[in-house]
Amino acid sequence: MSQRIDKSWTVFVSVENAEHDRCVDLFSRPDGSYGFEEFRRDIEDRGLWTPVQYYSGASYVSSAEALGAAERCVSWLAGMLAGKSDTRMRILSS
């Protein structure tokens, strides 16, 4: 878990790109809000996930709103989810 994801937040879906070197975590907070963060994984970081942006500071009222923002902000995400209706449904039902 990244230092940008608070331990009190619940990551309900993590989506990796095709190369498995980028991921987006979608999470919920105890206050009922939602958010997301993008990470990268590099050999020089010993394979640890490192935050790329500061998306986790934004707050959304629903998982659908967080997903929409994530797809607009992270260029590869919509393409990865295009063929994964089960993952999209897990996000929207959270």
C-alpha atoms as a PDB file:
ATOM      1  CA  MET A   1       0.000   0.000   0.000  1.00  0.00           C
ATOM      2  CA  SER A   2       1.300   3.425  -0.912  1.00  0.00           C
ATOM      3  CA  GLN A   3       2.069   6.225   1.484  1.00  0.00           C
ATOM      4  CA  ARG A   4      -0.613   8.212  -0.368  1.00  0.00           C
ATOM      5  CA  ILE A   5      -3.383   5.777   0.476  1.00  0.00           C
ATOM      6  CA  ASP A   6      -4.409   6.293   4.096  1.00  0.00           C
ATOM      7  CA  LYS A   7      -4.721   3.066   6.111  1.00  0.00           C
ATOM      8  CA  SER A   8      -8.335   3.945   6.966  1.00  0.00           C
ATOM      9  CA  TRP A   9      -9.307   3.962   3.253  1.00  0.00           C
ATOM     10  CA  THR A  10     -10.520   0.792   1.561  1.00  0.00           C
ATOM     11  CA  VAL A  11      -9.088  -0.013  -1.862  1.00  0.00           C
ATOM     12  CA  PHE A  12     -11.878  -1.918  -3.612  1.00  0.00           C
ATOM     13  CA  VAL A  13     -10.334  -2.257  -7.091  1.00  0.00           C
ATOM     14  CA  SER A  14      -6.798  -2.076  -8.435  1.00  0.00           C
ATOM     15  CA  VAL A  15      -6.398  -2.008 -12.231  1.00  0.00           C
ATOM     16  CA  GLU A  16      -2.995  -2.645 -13.852  1.00  0.00           C
ATOM     17  CA  ASN A  17      -1.976  -1.711 -17.370  1.00  0.00           C
ATOM     18  CA  ALA A  18      -0.940  -4.388 -19.901  1.00  0.00           C
ATOM     19  CA  GLU A  19       2.756  -4.007 -19.015  1.00  0.00           C
ATOM     20  CA  HIS A  20       2.037  -4.382 -15.263  1.00  0.00           C
ATOM     21  CA  ASP A  21       4.114  -1.294 -14.467  1.00  0.00           C
ATOM     22  CA  ARG A  22       1.231   1.127 -13.812  1.00  0.00           C
ATOM     23  CA  CYS A  23      -1.918   0.752 -11.756  1.00  0.00           C
ATOM     24  CA  VAL A  24      -4.855   2.762 -10.532  1.00  0.00           C
ATOM     25  CA  ASP A  25      -6.372   2.103  -7.115  1.00  0.00           C
ATOM     26  CA  LEU A  26      -9.982   3.133  -6.538  1.00  0.00           C
ATOM     27  CA  PHE A  27     -10.893   3.488  -2.887  1.00  0.00           C
ATOM     28  CA  SER A  28     -13.540   4.583  -0.422  1.00  0.00           C
ATOM     29  CA  ARG A  29     -13.026   6.623   2.723  1.00  0.00           C
ATOM     30  CA  PRO A  30     -14.747   6.248   6.112  1.00  0.00           C
ATOM     31  CA  ASP A  31     -16.661   9.504   5.462  1.00  0.00           C
ATOM     32  CA  GLY A  32     -18.392   7.880   2.457  1.00  0.00           C
ATOM     33  CA  SER A  33     -16.374   9.683  -0.219  1.00  0.00           C
ATOM     34  CA  TYR A  34     -14.381   8.015  -2.993  1.00  0.00           C
ATOM     35  CA  GLY A  35     -11.077   8.622  -4.715  1.00  0.00           C
ATOM     36  CA  PHE A  36      -8.320   7.139  -6.836  1.00  0.00           C
ATOM     37  CA  GLU A  37      -4.551   7.239  -7.266  1.00  0.00           C
ATOM     38  CA  GLU A  38      -2.170   6.203 -10.049  1.00  0.00           C
ATOM     39  CA  PHE A  39       1.044   4.300  -9.306  1.00  0.00           C
ATOM     40  CA  ARG A  40       4.094   3.058 -11.179  1.00  0.00           C
ATOM     41  CA  ARG A  41       6.383   0.112 -10.476  1.00  0.00           C
ATOM     42  CA  ASP A  42      10.036   0.273 -11.559  1.00  0.00           C
ATOM     43  CA  ILE A  43      12.966  -2.079 -11.125  1.00  0.00           C
ATOM     44  CA  GLU A  44      15.039   0.651  -9.447  1.00  0.00           C
ATOM     45  CA  ASP A  45      12.312   0.961  -6.788  1.00  0.00           C
ATOM     46  CA  ARG A  46      12.613  -2.796  -6.079  1.00  0.00           C
ATOM     47  CA  GLY A  47       9.205  -3.349  -7.631  1.00  0.00           C
ATOM     48  CA  LEU A  48       7.363  -1.223  -5.068  1.00  0.00           C
ATOM     49  CA  TRP A  49       4.347   0.781  -6.191  1.00  0.00           C
ATOM     50  CA  THR A  50       5.166   4.507  -6.209  1.00  0.00           C
ATOM     51  CA  PRO A  51       2.500   7.235  -6.540  1.00  0.00           C
ATOM     52  CA  VAL A  52       2.697   9.107  -9.843  1.00  0.00           C
ATOM     53  CA  GLN A  53       0.232  11.955  -9.284  1.00  0.00           C
ATOM     54  CA  TYR A  54      -1.712  13.560  -6.443  1.00  0.00           C
ATOM     55  CA  TYR A  55      -5.152  12.345  -7.482  1.00  0.00           C
ATOM     56  CA  SER A  56      -5.892  10.867  -4.038  1.00  0.00           C
ATOM     57  CA  GLY A  57      -6.491  14.346  -2.607  1.00  0.00           C
ATOM     58  CA  ALA A  58      -9.687  14.791  -4.629  1.00  0.00           C
ATOM     59  CA  SER A  59     -12.988  13.585  -3.209  1.00  0.00           C
ATOM     60  CA  TYR A  60     -15.960  12.193  -5.158  1.00  0.00           C
ATOM     61  CA  VAL A  61     -19.507  11.435  -4.004  1.00  0.00           C
ATOM     62  CA  SER A  62     -19.736   8.044  -5.732  1.00  0.00           C
ATOM     63  CA  SER A  63     -17.575   5.291  -7.114  1.00  0.00           C
ATOM     64  CA  ALA A  64     -18.968   6.110 -10.583  1.00  0.00           C
ATOM     65  CA  GLU A  65     -17.806   9.715 -10.267  1.00  0.00           C
ATOM     66  CA  ALA A  66     -14.338   8.606  -9.099  1.00  0.00           C
ATOM     67  CA  LEU A  67     -14.112   6.141 -11.991  1.00  0.00           C
ATOM     68  CA  GLY A  68     -15.114   8.810 -14.516  1.00  0.00           C
ATOM     69  CA  ALA A  69     -12.453  11.179 -13.196  1.00  0.00           C
ATOM     70  CA  ALA A  70      -9.849   8.400 -13.211  1.00  0.00           C
ATOM     71  CA  GLU A  71     -10.628   7.527 -16.827  1.00  0.00           C
ATOM     72  CA  ARG A  72     -10.293  11.193 -17.836  1.00  0.00           C
ATOM     73  CA  CYS A  73      -7.011  11.667 -15.949  1.00  0.00           C
ATOM     74  CA  VAL A  74      -5.194   8.379 -16.594  1.00  0.00           C
ATOM     75  CA  SER A  75      -4.755   7.905 -20.333  1.00  0.00           C
ATOM     76  CA  TRP A  76      -4.535   4.092 -20.405  1.00  0.00           C
ATOM     77  CA  LEU A  77      -7.308   3.258 -17.905  1.00  0.00           C
ATOM     78  CA  ALA A  78     -10.391   3.444 -20.155  1.00  0.00           C
ATOM     79  CA  GLY A  79      -8.724   1.140 -22.679  1.00  0.00           C
ATOM     80  CA  MET A  80      -7.896  -1.429 -20.004  1.00  0.00           C
ATOM     81  CA  LEU A  81     -11.460  -1.407 -18.670  1.00  0.00           C
ATOM     82  CA  ALA A  82     -13.058  -1.562 -22.138  1.00  0.00           C
ATOM     83  CA  GLY A  83     -13.043  -5.352 -22.188  1.00  0.00           C
ATOM     84  CA  LYS A  84     -13.523  -5.902 -18.470  1.00  0.00           C
ATOM     85  CA  SER A  85     -17.198  -5.371 -17.746  1.00  0.00           C
ATOM     86  CA  ASP A  86     -16.893  -7.407 -14.526  1.00  0.00           C
ATOM     87  CA  THR A  87     -14.245  -5.025 -13.148  1.00  0.00           C
ATOM     88  CA  ARG A  88     -16.293  -1.991 -14.178  1.00  0.00           C
ATOM     89  CA  MET A  89     -19.351  -3.459 -12.414  1.00  0.00           C
ATOM     90  CA  ARG A  90     -17.304  -4.112  -9.237  1.00  0.00           C
ATOM     91  CA  ILE A  91     -16.263  -0.457  -9.253  1.00  0.00           C
ATOM     92  CA  LEU A  92     -19.766   0.864  -9.836  1.00  0.00           C
ATOM     93  CA  SER A  93     -21.290  -1.380  -7.164  1.00  0.00           C
ATOM     94  CA  SER A  94     -18.816  -0.280  -4.477  1.00  0.00           C
END
